[in-house]
Amino acid sequence: GNPEKISEANVYIQVLDVNDHAPEFSKYYETFVCENAVSSQLIQNISAVDKDDSAESHHFYFSLAQEATNNSHFTVKDNQGS
């Protein structure tokens, strides 16, 4: 609620799938991280869908871009879901 304590960080997602319908996020995500968040705290779960596959066969892998792997501020963990 205090505009002086707000900052923004852009996160870019690169989709490597090539087919009739590219995978897309299942909904619009807007994520906020509080200044008192602790290390390794879960901040956001994301999921994707692919109209070319049935919902049962969906399994997507998310990873940080190569240039971001040395940045210890963000990590991505596979939750074995979609």
N, C-alpha and C. Protein backbone atom coordinates (compact mmCIF):
# COMPACT_ATOMS: atom_id res chain seq x y z
N GLY A 1 0.79 -1.19 0.00
CA GLY A 1 0.00 0.00 0.00
C GLY A 1 0.83 1.26 0.00
N ASN A 2 2.13 1.19 0.25
CA ASN A 2 2.98 2.37 0.28
C ASN A 2 3.78 2.44 -1.02
N PRO A 3 3.47 3.40 -1.90
CA PRO A 3 4.16 3.48 -3.20
C PRO A 3 5.67 3.64 -3.10
N GLU A 4 6.17 4.16 -1.99
CA GLU A 4 7.61 4.33 -1.84
C GLU A 4 8.32 2.99 -1.62
N LYS A 5 7.58 1.94 -1.29
CA LYS A 5 8.17 0.64 -1.02
C LYS A 5 7.84 -0.38 -2.10
N ILE A 6 7.54 0.08 -3.29
CA ILE A 6 7.18 -0.80 -4.39
C ILE A 6 8.28 -0.75 -5.45
N SER A 7 8.67 -1.91 -5.96
CA SER A 7 9.58 -1.97 -7.09
C SER A 7 9.08 -3.06 -8.04
N GLU A 8 9.59 -3.07 -9.24
CA GLU A 8 9.15 -4.03 -10.24
C GLU A 8 10.34 -4.77 -10.83
N ALA A 9 10.10 -6.02 -11.25
CA ALA A 9 11.10 -6.81 -11.97
C ALA A 9 10.39 -7.54 -13.09
N ASN A 10 10.90 -7.42 -14.29
CA ASN A 10 10.31 -8.11 -15.43
C ASN A 10 10.86 -9.53 -15.50
N VAL A 11 9.98 -10.49 -15.76
CA VAL A 11 10.37 -11.88 -15.95
C VAL A 11 9.88 -12.26 -17.34
N TYR A 12 10.80 -12.72 -18.19
CA TYR A 12 10.46 -13.09 -19.55
C TYR A 12 10.43 -14.60 -19.67
N ILE A 13 9.41 -15.13 -20.33
CA ILE A 13 9.24 -16.56 -20.53
C ILE A 13 9.46 -16.87 -22.00
N GLN A 14 10.37 -17.80 -22.30
CA GLN A 14 10.60 -18.22 -23.67
C GLN A 14 10.00 -19.60 -23.86
N VAL A 15 9.10 -19.75 -24.85
CA VAL A 15 8.44 -21.02 -25.13
C VAL A 15 9.18 -21.68 -26.28
N LEU A 16 9.64 -22.92 -26.09
CA LEU A 16 10.42 -23.61 -27.09
C LEU A 16 9.61 -24.62 -27.90
N ASP A 17 8.31 -24.72 -27.67
CA ASP A 17 7.46 -25.68 -28.34
C ASP A 17 7.01 -25.12 -29.70
N VAL A 18 7.06 -25.95 -30.74
CA VAL A 18 6.60 -25.52 -32.07
C VAL A 18 5.53 -26.50 -32.52
N ASN A 19 4.31 -26.03 -32.69
CA ASN A 19 3.21 -26.83 -33.19
C ASN A 19 2.05 -25.91 -33.56
N ASP A 20 0.87 -26.46 -33.78
CA ASP A 20 -0.28 -25.64 -34.18
C ASP A 20 -0.66 -24.61 -33.12
N HIS A 21 -0.65 -25.02 -31.88
CA HIS A 21 -1.00 -24.14 -30.77
C HIS A 21 0.15 -24.14 -29.77
N ALA A 22 0.77 -23.04 -29.59
CA ALA A 22 1.86 -22.94 -28.63
C ALA A 22 1.30 -23.06 -27.22
N PRO A 23 2.06 -23.63 -26.29
CA PRO A 23 1.61 -23.65 -24.90
C PRO A 23 1.39 -22.22 -24.40
N GLU A 24 0.48 -22.08 -23.48
CA GLU A 24 0.21 -20.76 -22.90
C GLU A 24 -0.10 -20.93 -21.42
N PHE A 25 0.07 -19.87 -20.68
CA PHE A 25 -0.28 -19.93 -19.27
C PHE A 25 -1.77 -20.19 -19.14
N SER A 26 -2.15 -20.92 -18.11
CA SER A 26 -3.57 -21.25 -17.92
C SER A 26 -4.39 -20.05 -17.48
N LYS A 27 -3.73 -19.00 -16.99
CA LYS A 27 -4.41 -17.76 -16.62
C LYS A 27 -3.37 -16.64 -16.60
N TYR A 28 -3.83 -15.42 -16.40
CA TYR A 28 -2.93 -14.27 -16.29
C TYR A 28 -2.33 -14.26 -14.88
N TYR A 29 -1.02 -14.12 -14.79
CA TYR A 29 -0.35 -14.08 -13.49
C TYR A 29 0.22 -12.69 -13.23
N GLU A 30 -0.02 -12.18 -12.05
CA GLU A 30 0.62 -10.97 -11.57
C GLU A 30 1.07 -11.29 -10.15
N THR A 31 2.38 -11.31 -9.93
CA THR A 31 2.95 -11.79 -8.68
C THR A 31 3.56 -10.65 -7.89
N PHE A 32 3.35 -10.67 -6.59
CA PHE A 32 3.91 -9.68 -5.69
C PHE A 32 4.78 -10.39 -4.66
N VAL A 33 5.94 -9.83 -4.37
CA VAL A 33 6.84 -10.38 -3.37
C VAL A 33 7.01 -9.34 -2.26
N CYS A 34 6.69 -9.73 -1.03
CA CYS A 34 6.83 -8.81 0.09
C CYS A 34 8.29 -8.67 0.49
N GLU A 35 8.64 -7.52 1.02
CA GLU A 35 10.03 -7.26 1.40
C GLU A 35 10.49 -8.18 2.53
N ASN A 36 9.58 -8.74 3.30
CA ASN A 36 9.98 -9.63 4.39
C ASN A 36 9.88 -11.10 3.99
N ALA A 37 9.84 -11.41 2.68
CA ALA A 37 9.85 -12.79 2.22
C ALA A 37 11.18 -13.44 2.60
N VAL A 38 11.12 -14.68 3.01
CA VAL A 38 12.33 -15.38 3.44
C VAL A 38 12.90 -16.21 2.29
N SER A 39 14.19 -16.51 2.39
CA SER A 39 14.86 -17.32 1.39
C SER A 39 14.16 -18.66 1.23
N SER A 40 14.00 -19.12 0.01
CA SER A 40 13.35 -20.40 -0.34
C SER A 40 11.84 -20.39 -0.13
N GLN A 41 11.25 -19.25 0.16
CA GLN A 41 9.79 -19.15 0.32
C GLN A 41 9.13 -19.28 -1.05
N LEU A 42 8.07 -20.08 -1.14
CA LEU A 42 7.30 -20.20 -2.37
C LEU A 42 6.60 -18.88 -2.64
N ILE A 43 6.81 -18.34 -3.81
CA ILE A 43 6.21 -17.06 -4.18
C ILE A 43 5.03 -17.25 -5.12
N GLN A 44 5.16 -18.12 -6.12
CA GLN A 44 4.10 -18.28 -7.12
C GLN A 44 4.16 -19.65 -7.75
N ASN A 45 3.02 -20.31 -7.91
CA ASN A 45 2.89 -21.50 -8.74
C ASN A 45 2.34 -21.06 -10.08
N ILE A 46 2.91 -21.56 -11.16
CA ILE A 46 2.38 -21.27 -12.48
C ILE A 46 2.08 -22.58 -13.19
N SER A 47 1.13 -22.55 -14.09
CA SER A 47 0.83 -23.73 -14.90
C SER A 47 0.53 -23.28 -16.32
N ALA A 48 0.64 -24.23 -17.23
CA ALA A 48 0.44 -23.95 -18.65
C ALA A 48 -0.48 -25.00 -19.25
N VAL A 49 -1.05 -24.69 -20.40
CA VAL A 49 -1.88 -25.63 -21.15
C VAL A 49 -1.44 -25.62 -22.60
N ASP A 50 -1.68 -26.72 -23.29
CA ASP A 50 -1.37 -26.83 -24.72
C ASP A 50 -2.59 -27.41 -25.41
N LYS A 51 -3.22 -26.64 -26.28
CA LYS A 51 -4.45 -27.07 -26.94
C LYS A 51 -4.22 -28.24 -27.89
N ASP A 52 -2.95 -28.56 -28.21
CA ASP A 52 -2.65 -29.70 -29.08
C ASP A 52 -2.67 -31.03 -28.33
N ASP A 53 -2.59 -31.00 -27.01
CA ASP A 53 -2.54 -32.21 -26.20
C ASP A 53 -3.74 -32.27 -25.27
N SER A 54 -4.07 -33.48 -24.83
CA SER A 54 -5.13 -33.62 -23.84
C SER A 54 -4.60 -33.16 -22.49
N ALA A 55 -5.49 -32.78 -21.61
CA ALA A 55 -5.09 -32.28 -20.28
C ALA A 55 -4.31 -33.33 -19.50
N GLU A 56 -4.58 -34.62 -19.72
CA GLU A 56 -3.89 -35.68 -19.01
C GLU A 56 -2.43 -35.80 -19.43
N SER A 57 -2.10 -35.41 -20.66
CA SER A 57 -0.72 -35.56 -21.14
C SER A 57 0.13 -34.32 -20.92
N HIS A 58 -0.46 -33.28 -20.33
CA HIS A 58 0.31 -32.05 -20.09
C HIS A 58 1.37 -32.28 -19.02
N HIS A 59 2.59 -31.96 -19.36
CA HIS A 59 3.66 -31.83 -18.36
C HIS A 59 4.68 -30.89 -18.95
N PHE A 60 4.82 -29.74 -18.35
CA PHE A 60 5.72 -28.72 -18.85
C PHE A 60 6.90 -28.57 -17.92
N TYR A 61 8.03 -28.19 -18.47
CA TYR A 61 9.23 -27.95 -17.69
C TYR A 61 9.56 -26.47 -17.79
N PHE A 62 9.72 -25.83 -16.66
CA PHE A 62 10.05 -24.42 -16.60
C PHE A 62 11.48 -24.30 -16.10
N SER A 63 12.22 -23.35 -16.65
CA SER A 63 13.59 -23.13 -16.17
C SER A 63 13.94 -21.66 -16.33
N LEU A 64 14.97 -21.24 -15.61
CA LEU A 64 15.47 -19.87 -15.75
C LEU A 64 16.28 -19.75 -17.03
N ALA A 65 16.26 -18.59 -17.63
CA ALA A 65 17.08 -18.34 -18.81
C ALA A 65 18.55 -18.48 -18.44
N GLN A 66 19.39 -18.90 -19.37
CA GLN A 66 20.80 -19.14 -19.10
C GLN A 66 21.47 -17.95 -18.43
N GLU A 67 21.16 -16.74 -18.89
CA GLU A 67 21.80 -15.56 -18.31
C GLU A 67 21.32 -15.27 -16.89
N ALA A 68 20.26 -15.91 -16.44
CA ALA A 68 19.73 -15.68 -15.10
C ALA A 68 20.18 -16.76 -14.10
N THR A 69 20.87 -17.78 -14.56
CA THR A 69 21.22 -18.88 -13.66
C THR A 69 22.23 -18.48 -12.59
N ASN A 70 22.98 -17.42 -12.82
CA ASN A 70 23.92 -16.95 -11.80
C ASN A 70 23.28 -15.98 -10.81
N ASN A 71 22.02 -15.65 -11.02
CA ASN A 71 21.29 -14.74 -10.14
C ASN A 71 20.63 -15.58 -9.05
N SER A 72 21.07 -15.43 -7.82
CA SER A 72 20.56 -16.26 -6.74
C SER A 72 19.22 -15.76 -6.18
N HIS A 73 18.65 -14.71 -6.76
CA HIS A 73 17.41 -14.16 -6.24
C HIS A 73 16.18 -14.95 -6.67
N PHE A 74 16.28 -15.72 -7.75
CA PHE A 74 15.14 -16.49 -8.23
C PHE A 74 15.56 -17.93 -8.52
N THR A 75 14.69 -18.88 -8.21
CA THR A 75 14.88 -20.27 -8.58
C THR A 75 13.57 -20.81 -9.10
N VAL A 76 13.63 -21.89 -9.87
CA VAL A 76 12.45 -22.54 -10.41
C VAL A 76 12.51 -23.99 -9.96
N LYS A 77 11.40 -24.50 -9.41
CA LYS A 77 11.33 -25.87 -8.94
C LYS A 77 10.16 -26.57 -9.63
N ASP A 78 10.39 -27.76 -10.18
CA ASP A 78 9.35 -28.54 -10.83
C ASP A 78 8.49 -29.21 -9.76
N ASN A 79 7.19 -28.93 -9.78
CA ASN A 79 6.29 -29.54 -8.80
C ASN A 79 5.61 -30.80 -9.35
N GLN A 80 6.12 -31.31 -10.47
CA GLN A 80 5.61 -32.53 -11.11
C GLN A 80 4.16 -32.39 -11.54
N GLY A 81 3.73 -31.16 -11.79
CA GLY A 81 2.36 -30.92 -12.26
C GLY A 81 2.38 -30.41 -13.69
N SER A 82 1.46 -29.53 -14.01
CA SER A 82 1.39 -28.99 -15.37
C SER A 82 2.04 -27.63 -15.43
